Structure formats: structure tokens, C-alpha cells
């Protein structure tokens, strides 16, 4: 429902601020380290999670980083889809 309302307005800022209403719930489900970035003065906004993994394609850290990205992408998808129906 929320996403349909936003699509009618075609405004990414509306989507961001609508999601921000649930920031506490979303942070609890994904991570308290989520970075909520409205990027004032720009059309887009950002919600991101940063890993501390030092990625070296020639080491085991590559596999660890890939697993972290895969797990968190799935977590983002499953969490945000509840707010974007």
C-alpha cells in the first residue's frame, strides 16, 4: 500500500521519509548500525549497512564478504518488503 502511494507521487523522498517512520523497527530487524541518509538537496536518499570486512580477492575474506553481502541482501529484501506493499 505504501509503495503504491509513493509511485503515484513518483517521489523518492516521500518513500524515504515514509520508511523512516519505521526506522526503529527496521533497525531492530536488520542492524542498529544502519545508516539513514536523506541526502538533502538531492533527489535520492540512502539506507545502508557497512561491513568491517577487509576484502582481498585472494584470501578467505572474499568468501566471508560474499556471504555477508548475500545474507544482508536477503535480510534487506525480507524486511523492506513488509513496508512496501
Protein backbone atom coordinates (compact mmCIF):
# COMPACT_ATOMS: atom_id res chain seq x y z
CA UNK A 1 0.00 0.00 0.00
CA UNK A 2 2.74 2.48 0.94
CA UNK A 3 4.69 1.81 -2.25
CA UNK A 4 1.61 2.32 -4.44
CA UNK A 5 1.01 5.72 -2.83
CA UNK A 6 4.63 6.70 -3.38
CA UNK A 7 4.61 5.55 -7.02
CA UNK A 8 1.66 7.82 -7.72
CA UNK A 9 3.70 10.79 -6.46
CA UNK A 10 6.90 9.46 -8.12
CA UNK A 11 9.00 10.99 -5.35
CA UNK A 12 11.90 9.08 -3.79
CA UNK A 13 11.98 11.46 -0.82
CA UNK A 14 8.41 10.53 0.06
CA UNK A 15 9.39 6.87 0.03
CA UNK A 16 12.43 7.51 2.22
CA UNK A 17 10.50 9.55 4.79
CA UNK A 18 7.69 7.00 4.81
CA UNK A 19 10.20 4.26 5.61
CA UNK A 20 11.90 6.46 8.19
CA UNK A 21 8.70 6.35 10.23
CA UNK A 22 9.59 2.70 10.88
CA UNK A 23 13.30 3.32 11.45
CA UNK A 24 13.31 1.77 14.93
CA UNK A 25 11.57 -1.40 13.78
CA UNK A 26 13.73 -1.69 10.67
CA UNK A 27 16.96 -1.13 12.62
CA UNK A 28 15.86 -3.77 15.11
CA UNK A 29 15.28 -6.32 12.33
CA UNK A 30 18.41 -5.56 10.29
CA UNK A 31 21.01 -3.79 12.44
CA UNK A 32 21.30 -0.83 14.81
CA UNK A 33 24.21 0.23 12.56
CA UNK A 34 22.01 1.09 9.56
CA UNK A 35 22.89 4.50 8.16
CA UNK A 36 19.81 6.56 7.28
CA UNK A 37 20.90 9.25 4.84
CA UNK A 38 18.24 11.62 3.45
CA UNK A 39 20.82 13.35 1.20
CA UNK A 40 19.15 16.74 1.43
CA UNK A 41 19.26 18.74 -1.76
CA UNK A 42 19.35 15.57 -3.87
CA UNK A 43 16.55 13.56 -5.45
CA UNK A 44 17.68 10.24 -3.93
CA UNK A 45 18.16 9.08 -0.35
CA UNK A 46 20.06 6.13 1.05
CA UNK A 47 19.73 3.45 3.73
CA UNK A 48 22.91 1.42 4.01
CA UNK A 49 24.79 -1.05 6.12
CA UNK A 50 28.58 -1.15 6.05
CA UNK A 51 30.74 -4.21 6.67
CA UNK A 52 34.03 -4.16 8.54
CA UNK A 53 35.40 -6.98 6.37
CA UNK A 54 38.66 -6.14 4.61
CA UNK A 55 38.09 -7.68 1.21
CA UNK A 56 41.02 -9.33 -0.52
CA UNK A 57 40.02 -11.39 -3.58
CA UNK A 58 42.96 -13.72 -2.96
CA UNK A 59 42.00 -14.71 0.56
CA UNK A 60 39.22 -16.25 2.62
CA UNK A 61 37.92 -12.75 3.34
CA UNK A 62 36.41 -12.78 -0.18
CA UNK A 63 34.14 -15.69 0.77
CA UNK A 64 33.31 -14.05 4.09
CA UNK A 65 32.43 -10.77 2.36
CA UNK A 66 30.29 -12.53 -0.24
CA UNK A 67 28.41 -14.43 2.47
CA UNK A 68 27.88 -11.19 4.44
CA UNK A 69 26.52 -9.41 1.34
CA UNK A 70 24.27 -12.34 0.42
CA UNK A 71 22.85 -12.69 3.93
CA UNK A 72 22.25 -8.97 4.32
CA UNK A 73 20.72 -8.55 0.86
CA UNK A 74 18.20 -11.24 1.78
CA UNK A 75 17.58 -9.58 5.15
CA UNK A 76 17.01 -6.17 3.46
CA UNK A 77 14.63 -7.74 0.95
CA UNK A 78 12.60 -9.59 3.56
CA UNK A 79 12.47 -6.63 5.93
CA UNK A 80 11.66 -3.84 3.50
CA UNK A 81 9.04 -5.76 1.51
CA UNK A 82 6.83 -5.68 4.62
CA UNK A 83 6.80 -1.87 4.47
CA UNK A 84 6.49 -1.55 0.69
CA UNK A 85 3.27 -3.45 -0.03
